[in-house]
Amino acid sequence: MSEIDNEEELLRLKKGIELFRKPCTFMLSVASLKQLPADDKVEIAFAGRSNVGKSSLINALFGQRKLAKTSSTPGRTQQLNYFDLNGQIYVVDLPGYGFAKAPKDIVKNWQKLINTYLVGRANLRRVFLLIDSRHGIKKIDEEIMDMLYKAAVT
C-alpha cells in the first residue's frame, strides 16, 4: 500500500469517526412501505434474528442508552425504526426474524415488510447482519444472506 493510499484511508476513517459522533435521533417507525421516508439519503440497516442485539448495537454506536428501544423479549421491534444521523444518513433498525413472542399473522406481516424493504430499497447501501455467536449461522441467516446477495445489497 502506498503512502497516498494510507493517507486516503486515514482520512476516510477520520470522517467515519466524526460522523458517528454527530447527533442521531429517532425519526419514525414504518409499518408499511407507503410510510417509508423519501429515498433522498443513504440508508444503512441492521438485520438479524430476534433478540440478537440490533437495537443495543445502535445505542452503543451512538453512545445513547435509549435511542433504540431494547427488550429481553424476542419480537418487540415490529416495525422499521428510522433514525436520522445528522441529516446525512438514515439508520434503520429492522425487526428480527425467526422466533418472536407475537401473534403469527403479525410476525408474517413484518417479515414480508422486511424482505420487500431489503430487496427493493434503492438507497439502501449497507446491511449489517448480526449473528448470535452462541448459536452460529442458522439456516434462516443463510437465507437472508442469499436474498441480500441476489438483491446486490452489501
N, C-alpha and C. Protein backbone atom coordinates (compact mmCIF):
# COMPACT_ATOMS: atom_id res chain seq x y z
N MET A 1 0.85 -1.17 0.00
CA MET A 1 0.00 0.00 0.00
C MET A 1 0.90 1.24 0.00
N SER A 2 0.61 2.17 -0.89
CA SER A 2 1.43 3.38 -0.98
C SER A 2 1.07 4.36 0.13
N GLU A 3 1.92 5.37 0.28
CA GLU A 3 1.69 6.39 1.29
C GLU A 3 0.40 7.16 1.00
N ILE A 4 0.10 7.39 -0.28
CA ILE A 4 -1.12 8.10 -0.67
C ILE A 4 -2.35 7.28 -0.28
N ASP A 5 -2.32 5.96 -0.54
CA ASP A 5 -3.43 5.09 -0.17
C ASP A 5 -3.64 5.13 1.34
N ASN A 6 -2.56 5.10 2.10
CA ASN A 6 -2.66 5.16 3.55
C ASN A 6 -3.28 6.46 4.01
N GLU A 7 -2.88 7.56 3.40
CA GLU A 7 -3.43 8.87 3.77
C GLU A 7 -4.93 8.94 3.45
N GLU A 8 -5.32 8.41 2.28
CA GLU A 8 -6.73 8.41 1.91
C GLU A 8 -7.55 7.54 2.86
N GLU A 9 -7.01 6.40 3.23
CA GLU A 9 -7.69 5.50 4.15
C GLU A 9 -7.84 6.15 5.53
N LEU A 10 -6.80 6.81 6.00
CA LEU A 10 -6.85 7.51 7.29
C LEU A 10 -7.89 8.63 7.26
N LEU A 11 -7.97 9.35 6.15
CA LEU A 11 -8.95 10.42 6.01
C LEU A 11 -10.37 9.86 6.05
N ARG A 12 -10.61 8.76 5.34
CA ARG A 12 -11.93 8.12 5.35
C ARG A 12 -12.29 7.64 6.76
N LEU A 13 -11.33 7.06 7.44
CA LEU A 13 -11.55 6.59 8.80
C LEU A 13 -11.89 7.75 9.73
N LYS A 14 -11.17 8.84 9.61
CA LYS A 14 -11.42 10.02 10.43
C LYS A 14 -12.81 10.58 10.17
N LYS A 15 -13.21 10.64 8.90
CA LYS A 15 -14.54 11.14 8.55
C LYS A 15 -15.64 10.23 9.13
N GLY A 16 -15.40 8.93 9.10
CA GLY A 16 -16.36 7.98 9.66
C GLY A 16 -16.50 8.15 11.16
N ILE A 17 -15.39 8.31 11.85
CA ILE A 17 -15.42 8.52 13.30
C ILE A 17 -16.16 9.81 13.62
N GLU A 18 -15.88 10.87 12.88
CA GLU A 18 -16.56 12.16 13.10
C GLU A 18 -18.06 12.03 12.85
N LEU A 19 -18.47 11.30 11.82
CA LEU A 19 -19.88 11.15 11.51
C LEU A 19 -20.62 10.48 12.66
N PHE A 20 -20.04 9.42 13.23
CA PHE A 20 -20.73 8.70 14.29
C PHE A 20 -20.73 9.45 15.62
N ARG A 21 -20.02 10.57 15.68
CA ARG A 21 -20.08 11.44 16.85
C ARG A 21 -21.17 12.51 16.70
N LYS A 22 -21.75 12.59 15.51
CA LYS A 22 -22.80 13.58 15.24
C LYS A 22 -24.12 13.12 15.89
N PRO A 23 -25.07 14.06 16.01
CA PRO A 23 -26.35 13.71 16.62
C PRO A 23 -27.13 12.69 15.79
N CYS A 24 -27.70 11.73 16.49
CA CYS A 24 -28.56 10.74 15.86
C CYS A 24 -29.87 10.73 16.65
N THR A 25 -30.98 10.90 15.95
CA THR A 25 -32.27 11.00 16.62
C THR A 25 -33.29 10.06 15.98
N PHE A 26 -34.23 9.60 16.80
CA PHE A 26 -35.32 8.80 16.28
C PHE A 26 -36.14 9.65 15.32
N MET A 27 -36.55 9.04 14.22
CA MET A 27 -37.30 9.77 13.20
C MET A 27 -38.74 9.25 13.08
N LEU A 28 -38.90 7.96 12.74
CA LEU A 28 -40.23 7.39 12.61
C LEU A 28 -40.17 5.88 12.59
N SER A 29 -41.33 5.27 12.85
CA SER A 29 -41.50 3.83 12.71
C SER A 29 -42.37 3.57 11.50
N VAL A 30 -41.99 2.59 10.71
CA VAL A 30 -42.67 2.29 9.46
C VAL A 30 -43.29 0.91 9.53
N ALA A 31 -44.63 0.87 9.36
CA ALA A 31 -45.35 -0.40 9.41
C ALA A 31 -45.72 -0.91 8.01
N SER A 32 -45.64 -0.02 7.01
CA SER A 32 -45.93 -0.42 5.63
C SER A 32 -45.04 0.37 4.69
N LEU A 33 -44.85 -0.15 3.50
CA LEU A 33 -43.97 0.51 2.53
C LEU A 33 -44.43 1.91 2.17
N LYS A 34 -45.72 2.17 2.28
CA LYS A 34 -46.25 3.50 1.97
C LYS A 34 -45.73 4.56 2.94
N GLN A 35 -45.28 4.14 4.11
CA GLN A 35 -44.81 5.07 5.13
C GLN A 35 -43.32 5.37 5.05
N LEU A 36 -42.61 4.72 4.13
CA LEU A 36 -41.17 4.93 4.02
C LEU A 36 -40.87 6.40 3.73
N PRO A 37 -39.81 6.93 4.33
CA PRO A 37 -39.43 8.32 4.02
C PRO A 37 -38.89 8.41 2.59
N ALA A 38 -38.75 9.64 2.11
CA ALA A 38 -38.18 9.85 0.78
C ALA A 38 -36.82 9.16 0.71
N ASP A 39 -36.49 8.69 -0.46
CA ASP A 39 -35.21 7.98 -0.63
C ASP A 39 -34.10 8.95 -1.03
N ASP A 40 -34.05 10.08 -0.34
CA ASP A 40 -33.09 11.14 -0.66
C ASP A 40 -31.78 11.03 0.13
N LYS A 41 -31.70 10.07 1.03
CA LYS A 41 -30.48 9.88 1.81
C LYS A 41 -30.06 8.41 1.76
N VAL A 42 -28.79 8.18 1.91
CA VAL A 42 -28.27 6.82 2.01
C VAL A 42 -28.84 6.18 3.27
N GLU A 43 -29.16 4.90 3.17
CA GLU A 43 -29.64 4.16 4.33
C GLU A 43 -28.71 3.01 4.64
N ILE A 44 -28.51 2.78 5.93
CA ILE A 44 -27.83 1.57 6.40
C ILE A 44 -28.80 0.89 7.35
N ALA A 45 -28.85 -0.42 7.33
CA ALA A 45 -29.80 -1.16 8.15
C ALA A 45 -29.10 -2.23 8.96
N PHE A 46 -29.71 -2.54 10.09
CA PHE A 46 -29.22 -3.61 10.96
C PHE A 46 -30.25 -4.71 10.98
N ALA A 47 -29.84 -5.90 10.56
CA ALA A 47 -30.73 -7.06 10.47
C ALA A 47 -30.15 -8.19 11.31
N GLY A 48 -31.02 -9.15 11.63
CA GLY A 48 -30.58 -10.31 12.39
C GLY A 48 -31.76 -10.99 13.04
N ARG A 49 -31.49 -12.14 13.64
CA ARG A 49 -32.53 -12.88 14.33
C ARG A 49 -33.09 -12.05 15.48
N SER A 50 -34.25 -12.41 15.93
CA SER A 50 -34.86 -11.73 17.07
C SER A 50 -33.94 -11.81 18.28
N ASN A 51 -33.80 -10.68 18.96
CA ASN A 51 -33.04 -10.59 20.21
C ASN A 51 -31.53 -10.78 20.06
N VAL A 52 -31.00 -10.56 18.88
CA VAL A 52 -29.57 -10.72 18.66
C VAL A 52 -28.78 -9.50 19.15
N GLY A 53 -29.45 -8.35 19.28
CA GLY A 53 -28.78 -7.16 19.79
C GLY A 53 -28.69 -6.01 18.80
N LYS A 54 -29.58 -5.96 17.82
CA LYS A 54 -29.55 -4.89 16.82
C LYS A 54 -29.75 -3.52 17.47
N SER A 55 -30.79 -3.39 18.28
CA SER A 55 -31.08 -2.12 18.93
C SER A 55 -29.98 -1.74 19.92
N SER A 56 -29.46 -2.71 20.63
CA SER A 56 -28.36 -2.45 21.58
C SER A 56 -27.12 -1.95 20.86
N LEU A 57 -26.83 -2.52 19.69
CA LEU A 57 -25.68 -2.08 18.91
C LEU A 57 -25.86 -0.63 18.45
N ILE A 58 -27.05 -0.30 17.99
CA ILE A 58 -27.32 1.08 17.56
C ILE A 58 -27.11 2.04 18.73
N ASN A 59 -27.61 1.68 19.90
CA ASN A 59 -27.40 2.52 21.09
C ASN A 59 -25.92 2.68 21.39
N ALA A 60 -25.16 1.61 21.30
CA ALA A 60 -23.72 1.67 21.58
C ALA A 60 -22.98 2.52 20.55
N LEU A 61 -23.33 2.38 19.28
CA LEU A 61 -22.66 3.14 18.23
C LEU A 61 -22.79 4.64 18.42
N PHE A 62 -23.95 5.06 18.92
CA PHE A 62 -24.20 6.49 19.05
C PHE A 62 -24.11 6.97 20.49
N GLY A 63 -23.68 6.09 21.39
CA GLY A 63 -23.46 6.48 22.78
C GLY A 63 -24.71 6.95 23.49
N GLN A 64 -25.85 6.34 23.13
CA GLN A 64 -27.12 6.70 23.77
C GLN A 64 -27.81 5.43 24.25
N ARG A 65 -28.15 5.39 25.51
CA ARG A 65 -28.75 4.18 26.08
C ARG A 65 -30.18 3.92 25.61
N LYS A 66 -30.90 4.99 25.29
CA LYS A 66 -32.32 4.81 24.99
C LYS A 66 -32.71 5.33 23.61
N LEU A 67 -31.77 5.41 22.70
CA LEU A 67 -32.08 5.85 21.34
C LEU A 67 -33.01 4.83 20.68
N ALA A 68 -32.57 3.58 20.62
CA ALA A 68 -33.38 2.48 20.10
C ALA A 68 -33.90 1.68 21.29
N LYS A 69 -35.18 1.38 21.29
CA LYS A 69 -35.76 0.62 22.40
C LYS A 69 -35.25 -0.81 22.37
N THR A 70 -34.86 -1.30 23.55
CA THR A 70 -34.38 -2.67 23.68
C THR A 70 -35.31 -3.45 24.60
N SER A 71 -35.26 -4.78 24.46
CA SER A 71 -36.08 -5.64 25.29
C SER A 71 -35.43 -7.02 25.35
N SER A 72 -35.67 -7.72 26.44
CA SER A 72 -35.17 -9.09 26.53
C SER A 72 -36.16 -10.07 25.90
N THR A 73 -37.33 -9.57 25.50
CA THR A 73 -38.35 -10.40 24.87
C THR A 73 -38.20 -10.37 23.36
N PRO A 74 -38.01 -11.53 22.71
CA PRO A 74 -37.88 -11.55 21.26
C PRO A 74 -39.14 -11.04 20.56
N GLY A 75 -38.95 -10.18 19.58
CA GLY A 75 -40.08 -9.71 18.77
C GLY A 75 -40.68 -8.39 19.20
N ARG A 76 -39.99 -7.63 20.01
CA ARG A 76 -40.53 -6.33 20.45
C ARG A 76 -40.45 -5.29 19.33
N THR A 77 -39.39 -5.30 18.54
CA THR A 77 -39.30 -4.39 17.40
C THR A 77 -40.15 -5.00 16.29
N GLN A 78 -41.24 -4.32 15.94
CA GLN A 78 -42.17 -4.87 14.96
C GLN A 78 -42.33 -4.00 13.73
N GLN A 79 -41.58 -2.90 13.67
CA GLN A 79 -41.62 -2.01 12.52
C GLN A 79 -40.20 -1.64 12.14
N LEU A 80 -40.03 -1.01 10.98
CA LEU A 80 -38.74 -0.48 10.60
C LEU A 80 -38.56 0.83 11.34
N ASN A 81 -37.61 0.90 12.23
CA ASN A 81 -37.39 2.11 13.02
C ASN A 81 -36.26 2.92 12.39
N TYR A 82 -36.61 4.15 11.98
CA TYR A 82 -35.68 5.04 11.30
C TYR A 82 -35.07 6.04 12.28
N PHE A 83 -33.76 6.22 12.13
CA PHE A 83 -33.03 7.20 12.90
C PHE A 83 -32.30 8.10 11.92
N ASP A 84 -32.26 9.38 12.21
CA ASP A 84 -31.61 10.37 11.35
C ASP A 84 -30.25 10.69 11.93
N LEU A 85 -29.21 10.36 11.19
CA LEU A 85 -27.84 10.64 11.61
C LEU A 85 -27.40 11.97 11.01
N ASN A 86 -27.57 13.04 11.78
CA ASN A 86 -27.09 14.37 11.42
C ASN A 86 -27.61 14.86 10.06
N GLY A 87 -28.80 14.42 9.67
CA GLY A 87 -29.36 14.85 8.39
C GLY A 87 -28.63 14.28 7.19
N GLN A 88 -27.73 13.33 7.40
CA GLN A 88 -26.92 12.79 6.31
C GLN A 88 -27.27 11.35 5.93
N ILE A 89 -27.59 10.54 6.91
CA ILE A 89 -27.81 9.11 6.69
C ILE A 89 -28.99 8.66 7.53
N TYR A 90 -29.78 7.76 6.96
CA TYR A 90 -30.82 7.09 7.74
C TYR A 90 -30.25 5.77 8.24
N VAL A 91 -30.39 5.54 9.53
CA VAL A 91 -30.02 4.28 10.15
C VAL A 91 -31.33 3.56 10.45
N VAL A 92 -31.44 2.30 10.02
CA VAL A 92 -32.71 1.58 10.14
C VAL A 92 -32.52 0.34 11.01
N ASP A 93 -33.32 0.28 12.07
CA ASP A 93 -33.34 -0.86 12.98
C ASP A 93 -34.49 -1.76 12.53
N LEU A 94 -34.15 -2.94 12.01
CA LEU A 94 -35.17 -3.83 11.47
C LEU A 94 -35.70 -4.78 12.54
N PRO A 95 -36.96 -5.20 12.40
CA PRO A 95 -37.45 -6.26 13.28
C PRO A 95 -36.62 -7.52 13.06
N GLY A 96 -36.52 -8.32 14.09
CA GLY A 96 -35.77 -9.57 13.96
C GLY A 96 -36.56 -10.61 13.18
N TYR A 97 -35.84 -11.57 12.68
CA TYR A 97 -36.50 -12.70 12.03
C TYR A 97 -36.27 -13.93 12.89
N GLY A 98 -37.08 -14.95 12.65
CA GLY A 98 -37.01 -16.15 13.49
C GLY A 98 -38.04 -16.07 14.59
N PHE A 99 -37.75 -16.66 15.72
CA PHE A 99 -38.70 -16.73 16.82
C PHE A 99 -39.05 -15.34 17.35
N ALA A 100 -40.33 -15.13 17.65
CA ALA A 100 -40.79 -13.87 18.26
C ALA A 100 -42.00 -14.16 19.12
N LYS A 101 -42.10 -13.46 20.23
CA LYS A 101 -43.28 -13.59 21.10
C LYS A 101 -44.33 -12.60 20.62
N ALA A 102 -44.98 -12.97 19.50
CA ALA A 102 -46.03 -12.14 18.90
C ALA A 102 -46.93 -13.06 18.09
N PRO A 103 -48.17 -12.64 17.83
CA PRO A 103 -49.07 -13.46 17.02
C PRO A 103 -48.48 -13.74 15.63
N LYS A 104 -48.71 -14.96 15.15
CA LYS A 104 -48.10 -15.40 13.89
C LYS A 104 -48.46 -14.52 12.70
N ASP A 105 -49.70 -14.02 12.63
CA ASP A 105 -50.09 -13.19 11.49
C ASP A 105 -49.34 -11.86 11.51
N ILE A 106 -49.09 -11.31 12.69
CA ILE A 106 -48.33 -10.06 12.80
C ILE A 106 -46.87 -10.31 12.40
N VAL A 107 -46.30 -11.42 12.88
CA VAL A 107 -44.92 -11.77 12.53
C VAL A 107 -44.80 -11.95 11.02
N LYS A 108 -45.75 -12.62 10.41
CA LYS A 108 -45.72 -12.84 8.95
C LYS A 108 -45.74 -11.51 8.20
N ASN A 109 -46.55 -10.57 8.66
CA ASN A 109 -46.64 -9.26 8.01
C ASN A 109 -45.33 -8.50 8.11
N TRP A 110 -44.71 -8.50 9.29
CA TRP A 110 -43.47 -7.73 9.40
C TRP A 110 -42.32 -8.42 8.68
N GLN A 111 -42.36 -9.76 8.57
CA GLN A 111 -41.32 -10.45 7.80
C GLN A 111 -41.42 -10.08 6.32
N LYS A 112 -42.65 -9.98 5.83
CA LYS A 112 -42.86 -9.58 4.43
C LYS A 112 -42.36 -8.16 4.22
N LEU A 113 -42.64 -7.27 5.17
CA LEU A 113 -42.16 -5.89 5.10
C LEU A 113 -40.63 -5.84 5.04
N ILE A 114 -39.99 -6.61 5.90
CA ILE A 114 -38.51 -6.65 5.93
C ILE A 114 -37.97 -7.12 4.58
N ASN A 115 -38.49 -8.23 4.08
CA ASN A 115 -37.99 -8.79 2.83
C ASN A 115 -38.18 -7.82 1.67
N THR A 116 -39.34 -7.19 1.57
CA THR A 116 -39.60 -6.24 0.50
C THR A 116 -38.67 -5.04 0.62
N TYR A 117 -38.49 -4.56 1.83
CA TYR A 117 -37.58 -3.43 2.07
C TYR A 117 -36.15 -3.78 1.65
N LEU A 118 -35.65 -4.91 2.09
CA LEU A 118 -34.26 -5.28 1.82
C LEU A 118 -33.99 -5.46 0.33
N VAL A 119 -34.96 -5.97 -0.39
CA VAL A 119 -34.76 -6.24 -1.82
C VAL A 119 -35.04 -5.02 -2.68
N GLY A 120 -35.95 -4.13 -2.24
CA GLY A 120 -36.40 -3.08 -3.13
C GLY A 120 -36.01 -1.66 -2.81
N ARG A 121 -35.25 -1.41 -1.77
CA ARG A 121 -34.93 -0.03 -1.38
C ARG A 121 -33.67 0.41 -2.10
N ALA A 122 -33.81 1.29 -3.08
CA ALA A 122 -32.69 1.69 -3.95
C ALA A 122 -31.57 2.40 -3.20
N ASN A 123 -31.89 3.17 -2.16
CA ASN A 123 -30.86 3.93 -1.44
C ASN A 123 -30.27 3.16 -0.26
N LEU A 124 -30.63 1.89 -0.10
CA LEU A 124 -30.05 1.05 0.94
C LEU A 124 -28.65 0.62 0.50
N ARG A 125 -27.65 1.12 1.19
CA ARG A 125 -26.27 0.87 0.78
C ARG A 125 -25.59 -0.25 1.53
N ARG A 126 -25.96 -0.45 2.79
CA ARG A 126 -25.32 -1.50 3.59
C ARG A 126 -26.33 -2.12 4.53
N VAL A 127 -26.21 -3.42 4.71
CA VAL A 127 -26.97 -4.12 5.73
C VAL A 127 -25.96 -4.82 6.61
N PHE A 128 -26.02 -4.52 7.88
CA PHE A 128 -25.15 -5.18 8.85
C PHE A 128 -25.97 -6.32 9.45
N LEU A 129 -25.58 -7.54 9.12
CA LEU A 129 -26.31 -8.73 9.55
C LEU A 129 -25.65 -9.28 10.80
N LEU A 130 -26.34 -9.19 11.92
CA LEU A 130 -25.80 -9.65 13.19
C LEU A 130 -26.09 -11.13 13.36
N ILE A 131 -25.08 -11.86 13.79
CA ILE A 131 -25.20 -13.30 14.03
C ILE A 131 -24.94 -13.55 15.51
N ASP A 132 -25.80 -14.33 16.13
CA ASP A 132 -25.64 -14.68 17.55
C ASP A 132 -24.51 -15.69 17.67
N SER A 133 -23.43 -15.29 18.32
CA SER A 133 -22.24 -16.15 18.43
C SER A 133 -22.52 -17.40 19.25
N ARG A 134 -23.55 -17.38 20.08
CA ARG A 134 -23.88 -18.56 20.88
C ARG A 134 -24.46 -19.67 20.01
N HIS A 135 -25.08 -19.29 18.88
CA HIS A 135 -25.76 -20.27 18.04
C HIS A 135 -25.14 -20.41 16.66
N GLY A 136 -24.30 -19.46 16.27
CA GLY A 136 -23.68 -19.51 14.95
C GLY A 136 -24.67 -19.20 13.84
N ILE A 137 -24.24 -19.42 12.61
CA ILE A 137 -25.09 -19.12 11.45
C ILE A 137 -26.14 -20.21 11.30
N LYS A 138 -27.39 -19.79 11.32
CA LYS A 138 -28.53 -20.70 11.17
C LYS A 138 -29.00 -20.66 9.71
N LYS A 139 -29.85 -21.63 9.37
CA LYS A 139 -30.39 -21.71 8.01
C LYS A 139 -31.07 -20.39 7.61
N ILE A 140 -31.83 -19.81 8.53
CA ILE A 140 -32.54 -18.56 8.22
C ILE A 140 -31.56 -17.41 7.96
N ASP A 141 -30.41 -17.41 8.65
CA ASP A 141 -29.37 -16.40 8.38
C ASP A 141 -28.83 -16.57 6.96
N GLU A 142 -28.60 -17.82 6.58
CA GLU A 142 -28.11 -18.11 5.22
C GLU A 142 -29.11 -17.66 4.17
N GLU A 143 -30.40 -17.85 4.45
CA GLU A 143 -31.45 -17.42 3.51
C GLU A 143 -31.43 -15.89 3.35
N ILE A 144 -31.26 -15.18 4.44
CA ILE A 144 -31.19 -13.71 4.37
C ILE A 144 -29.94 -13.29 3.59
N MET A 145 -28.80 -13.94 3.86
CA MET A 145 -27.56 -13.63 3.13
C MET A 145 -27.74 -13.87 1.64
N ASP A 146 -28.40 -14.97 1.29
CA ASP A 146 -28.64 -15.28 -0.12
C ASP A 146 -29.55 -14.23 -0.76
N MET A 147 -30.60 -13.82 -0.04
CA MET A 147 -31.51 -12.80 -0.56
C MET A 147 -30.76 -11.49 -0.78
N LEU A 148 -29.91 -11.09 0.18
CA LEU A 148 -29.15 -9.86 0.04
C LEU A 148 -28.17 -9.95 -1.14
N TYR A 149 -27.55 -11.11 -1.29
CA TYR A 149 -26.62 -11.33 -2.40
C TYR A 149 -27.35 -11.16 -3.74
N LYS A 150 -28.52 -11.79 -3.86
CA LYS A 150 -29.29 -11.70 -5.11
C LYS A 150 -29.77 -10.29 -5.39
N ALA A 151 -30.05 -9.53 -4.31
CA ALA A 151 -30.50 -8.15 -4.46
C ALA A 151 -29.34 -7.17 -4.61
N ALA A 152 -28.12 -7.69 -4.58
CA ALA A 152 -26.89 -6.87 -4.70
C ALA A 152 -26.77 -5.84 -3.58
N VAL A 153 -27.17 -6.23 -2.38
CA VAL A 153 -27.03 -5.38 -1.21
C VAL A 153 -25.85 -5.91 -0.41
N THR A 154 -24.86 -5.05 -0.17
CA THR A 154 -23.69 -5.50 0.57
C THR A 154 -23.92 -5.43 2.06
